[in-house]
């Protein structure tokens, strides 16, 4: 994110996942399969996204920050099994749709203010 001159916004609880060891631990914990669909909430600059893409059928990366969506497009936007959605996950019906239609693995490096409501609802 540094190379794009992006400054994290405290009001959005932005903290970026940069440690490759943690990324690998998250991926291992997900027990991914080539048939999986993964919904990544708060994709940020795409560090985790980029590692998920070759491992699964589909990655849906949702990011609230328009500037980060542009960075995601530049960094990983060329992959055919990736869909980037620039939106507030709490204001979308994405989770409901997945809950009813298909099994999906949900992952994200979430700020505290967002994690609790999402966990309690889903």
C-alpha atoms as a PDB file:
ATOM      1  CA  UNK A   1       0.000   0.000   0.000  1.00  0.00           C
ATOM      2  CA  UNK A   2       3.008   2.226   0.535  1.00  0.00           C
ATOM      3  CA  UNK A   3       3.894   2.266  -3.161  1.00  0.00           C
ATOM      4  CA  UNK A   4       0.451   3.715  -3.921  1.00  0.00           C
ATOM      5  CA  UNK A   5       0.741   6.435  -1.281  1.00  0.00           C
ATOM      6  CA  UNK A   6      -2.252   5.037   0.571  1.00  0.00           C
ATOM      7  CA  UNK A   7      -2.772   6.167   4.161  1.00  0.00           C
ATOM      8  CA  UNK A   8      -4.861   3.818   6.375  1.00  0.00           C
ATOM      9  CA  UNK A   9      -7.997   5.365   7.872  1.00  0.00           C
ATOM     10  CA  UNK A  10      -8.538   4.854  11.586  1.00  0.00           C
ATOM     11  CA  UNK A  11     -12.293   5.395  11.229  1.00  0.00           C
ATOM     12  CA  UNK A  12     -12.448   2.239   9.087  1.00  0.00           C
ATOM     13  CA  UNK A  13     -10.234   0.288  11.492  1.00  0.00           C
ATOM     14  CA  UNK A  14      -7.692  -0.314   8.728  1.00  0.00           C
ATOM     15  CA  UNK A  15      -4.768  -2.526   9.697  1.00  0.00           C
ATOM     16  CA  UNK A  16      -3.054  -4.415   6.926  1.00  0.00           C
ATOM     17  CA  UNK A  17      -1.981  -8.015   6.863  1.00  0.00           C
ATOM     18  CA  UNK A  18       1.635  -8.070   5.701  1.00  0.00           C
ATOM     19  CA  UNK A  19       3.255 -10.946   7.598  1.00  0.00           C
ATOM     20  CA  UNK A  20       3.591 -13.939   5.222  1.00  0.00           C
ATOM     21  CA  UNK A  21       3.653 -16.298   8.204  1.00  0.00           C
ATOM     22  CA  UNK A  22       0.221 -15.149   9.342  1.00  0.00           C
ATOM     23  CA  UNK A  23      -1.128 -15.339   5.783  1.00  0.00           C
ATOM     24  CA  UNK A  24       0.066 -18.953   5.558  1.00  0.00           C
ATOM     25  CA  UNK A  25      -1.485 -19.796   8.932  1.00  0.00           C
ATOM     26  CA  UNK A  26      -4.833 -18.354   7.845  1.00  0.00           C
ATOM     27  CA  UNK A  27      -4.744 -20.356   4.621  1.00  0.00           C
ATOM     28  CA  UNK A  28      -3.856 -23.546   6.476  1.00  0.00           C
ATOM     29  CA  UNK A  29      -6.701 -22.985   8.973  1.00  0.00           C
ATOM     30  CA  UNK A  30      -9.213 -22.609   6.116  1.00  0.00           C
ATOM     31  CA  UNK A  31      -8.497 -26.171   4.874  1.00  0.00           C
ATOM     32  CA  UNK A  32      -9.137 -25.082   1.313  1.00  0.00           C
ATOM     33  CA  UNK A  33     -10.218 -27.252  -1.565  1.00  0.00           C
ATOM     34  CA  UNK A  34     -10.151 -26.453  -5.314  1.00  0.00           C
ATOM     35  CA  UNK A  35     -13.981 -26.528  -5.274  1.00  0.00           C
ATOM     36  CA  UNK A  36     -14.288 -23.854  -2.575  1.00  0.00           C
ATOM     37  CA  UNK A  37     -15.689 -20.371  -2.904  1.00  0.00           C
ATOM     38  CA  UNK A  38     -14.110 -17.895  -0.501  1.00  0.00           C
ATOM     39  CA  UNK A  39     -15.595 -14.571   0.539  1.00  0.00           C
ATOM     40  CA  UNK A  40     -12.840 -12.301   1.791  1.00  0.00           C
ATOM     41  CA  UNK A  41     -14.159  -9.382   3.815  1.00  0.00           C
ATOM     42  CA  UNK A  42     -11.838  -6.402   3.931  1.00  0.00           C
ATOM     43  CA  UNK A  43      -9.461  -7.513   1.193  1.00  0.00           C
ATOM     44  CA  UNK A  44      -7.273  -4.443   1.653  1.00  0.00           C
ATOM     45  CA  UNK A  45      -4.321  -4.482  -0.735  1.00  0.00           C
ATOM     46  CA  UNK A  46      -4.798  -8.115  -1.728  1.00  0.00           C
ATOM     47  CA  UNK A  47      -2.023  -9.830   0.220  1.00  0.00           C
ATOM     48  CA  UNK A  48      -4.293 -12.676   1.347  1.00  0.00           C
ATOM     49  CA  UNK A  49      -6.420 -12.481  -1.808  1.00  0.00           C
ATOM     50  CA  UNK A  50      -3.448 -13.206  -4.052  1.00  0.00           C
ATOM     51  CA  UNK A  51      -2.592 -16.351  -2.077  1.00  0.00           C
ATOM     52  CA  UNK A  52      -6.205 -17.591  -2.088  1.00  0.00           C
ATOM     53  CA  UNK A  53      -6.812 -17.229  -5.835  1.00  0.00           C
ATOM     54  CA  UNK A  54      -4.792 -20.239  -7.099  1.00  0.00           C
ATOM     55  CA  UNK A  55      -6.115 -22.494  -4.339  1.00  0.00           C
ATOM     56  CA  UNK A  56      -9.881 -22.231  -4.873  1.00  0.00           C
ATOM     57  CA  UNK A  57     -12.602 -22.112  -7.517  1.00  0.00           C
ATOM     58  CA  UNK A  58     -13.655 -18.544  -6.758  1.00  0.00           C
ATOM     59  CA  UNK A  59     -12.660 -15.625  -4.530  1.00  0.00           C
ATOM     60  CA  UNK A  60     -15.033 -12.763  -3.866  1.00  0.00           C
ATOM     61  CA  UNK A  61     -13.093  -9.902  -2.325  1.00  0.00           C
ATOM     62  CA  UNK A  62     -15.184  -7.208  -0.699  1.00  0.00           C
ATOM     63  CA  UNK A  63     -13.605  -3.921   0.307  1.00  0.00           C
ATOM     64  CA  UNK A  64     -15.280  -0.761   1.602  1.00  0.00           C
ATOM     65  CA  UNK A  65     -12.533   1.694   0.626  1.00  0.00           C
ATOM     66  CA  UNK A  66     -12.665   2.886  -2.996  1.00  0.00           C
ATOM     67  CA  UNK A  67      -8.919   3.619  -3.054  1.00  0.00           C
ATOM     68  CA  UNK A  68      -8.156   0.088  -1.886  1.00  0.00           C
ATOM     69  CA  UNK A  69     -10.506  -1.314  -4.522  1.00  0.00           C
ATOM     70  CA  UNK A  70      -8.400   0.455  -7.140  1.00  0.00           C
ATOM     71  CA  UNK A  71      -5.223  -1.013  -5.628  1.00  0.00           C
ATOM     72  CA  UNK A  72      -6.826  -4.477  -5.620  1.00  0.00           C
ATOM     73  CA  UNK A  73      -7.686  -4.099  -9.310  1.00  0.00           C
ATOM     74  CA  UNK A  74      -4.073  -3.194 -10.096  1.00  0.00           C
ATOM     75  CA  UNK A  75      -2.554  -5.939  -7.940  1.00  0.00           C
ATOM     76  CA  UNK A  76      -4.841  -8.937  -8.582  1.00  0.00           C
ATOM     77  CA  UNK A  77      -7.657  -7.817 -10.873  1.00  0.00           C
ATOM     78  CA  UNK A  78      -6.539  -9.920 -13.839  1.00  0.00           C
ATOM     79  CA  UNK A  79      -7.478 -13.282 -12.310  1.00  0.00           C
ATOM     80  CA  UNK A  80     -10.627 -14.795 -13.874  1.00  0.00           C
ATOM     81  CA  UNK A  81     -11.724 -16.502 -10.643  1.00  0.00           C
ATOM     82  CA  UNK A  82     -11.688 -13.238  -8.672  1.00  0.00           C
ATOM     83  CA  UNK A  83     -14.589 -10.835  -8.243  1.00  0.00           C
ATOM     84  CA  UNK A  84     -13.869  -7.548  -6.485  1.00  0.00           C
ATOM     85  CA  UNK A  85     -16.820  -5.781  -4.892  1.00  0.00           C
ATOM     86  CA  UNK A  86     -16.349  -2.276  -3.567  1.00  0.00           C
ATOM     87  CA  UNK A  87     -19.006  -2.020  -0.861  1.00  0.00           C
ATOM     88  CA  UNK A  88     -19.712  -2.074   2.850  1.00  0.00           C
ATOM     89  CA  UNK A  89     -20.365  -5.735   3.668  1.00  0.00           C
ATOM     90  CA  UNK A  90     -22.872  -4.732   6.339  1.00  0.00           C
ATOM     91  CA  UNK A  91     -24.931  -2.955   3.677  1.00  0.00           C
ATOM     92  CA  UNK A  92     -25.011  -5.824   1.165  1.00  0.00           C
ATOM     93  CA  UNK A  93     -26.982  -9.035   0.888  1.00  0.00           C
ATOM     94  CA  UNK A  94     -23.887 -11.064  -0.015  1.00  0.00           C
ATOM     95  CA  UNK A  95     -23.802 -13.079   3.178  1.00  0.00           C
ATOM     96  CA  UNK A  96     -27.517 -13.883   3.005  1.00  0.00           C
ATOM     97  CA  UNK A  97     -27.200 -14.997  -0.597  1.00  0.00           C
ATOM     98  CA  UNK A  98     -24.304 -17.324   0.190  1.00  0.00           C
ATOM     99  CA  UNK A  99     -25.960 -18.615   3.307  1.00  0.00           C
ATOM    100  CA  UNK A 100     -28.954 -19.730   1.255  1.00  0.00           C
ATOM    101  CA  UNK A 101     -27.437 -20.757  -2.066  1.00  0.00           C
ATOM    102  CA  UNK A 102     -23.986 -22.197  -1.647  1.00  0.00           C
ATOM    103  CA  UNK A 103     -21.437 -23.143   0.908  1.00  0.00           C
ATOM    104  CA  UNK A 104     -18.785 -20.484   1.237  1.00  0.00           C
ATOM    105  CA  UNK A 105     -15.760 -20.012   3.438  1.00  0.00           C
ATOM    106  CA  UNK A 106     -15.563 -16.536   4.911  1.00  0.00           C
ATOM    107  CA  UNK A 107     -12.250 -14.974   5.842  1.00  0.00           C
ATOM    108  CA  UNK A 108     -11.076 -11.501   6.696  1.00  0.00           C
ATOM    109  CA  UNK A 109      -8.701  -9.403   8.714  1.00  0.00           C
ATOM    110  CA  UNK A 110     -11.583  -7.523  10.299  1.00  0.00           C
ATOM    111  CA  UNK A 111     -11.572  -4.506  12.576  1.00  0.00           C
ATOM    112  CA  UNK A 112     -13.194  -5.173  15.949  1.00  0.00           C
ATOM    113  CA  UNK A 113     -16.165  -2.906  15.274  1.00  0.00           C
ATOM    114  CA  UNK A 114     -17.116  -5.090  12.308  1.00  0.00           C
ATOM    115  CA  UNK A 115     -16.135  -8.564  13.484  1.00  0.00           C
ATOM    116  CA  UNK A 116     -18.554  -8.812  16.393  1.00  0.00           C
ATOM    117  CA  UNK A 117     -21.752  -7.909  14.498  1.00  0.00           C
ATOM    118  CA  UNK A 118     -20.863 -10.228  11.605  1.00  0.00           C
ATOM    119  CA  UNK A 119     -20.038 -13.145  13.877  1.00  0.00           C
ATOM    120  CA  UNK A 120     -23.209 -12.701  15.892  1.00  0.00           C
ATOM    121  CA  UNK A 121     -25.383 -12.550  12.782  1.00  0.00           C
ATOM    122  CA  UNK A 122     -23.803 -15.363  10.747  1.00  0.00           C
END
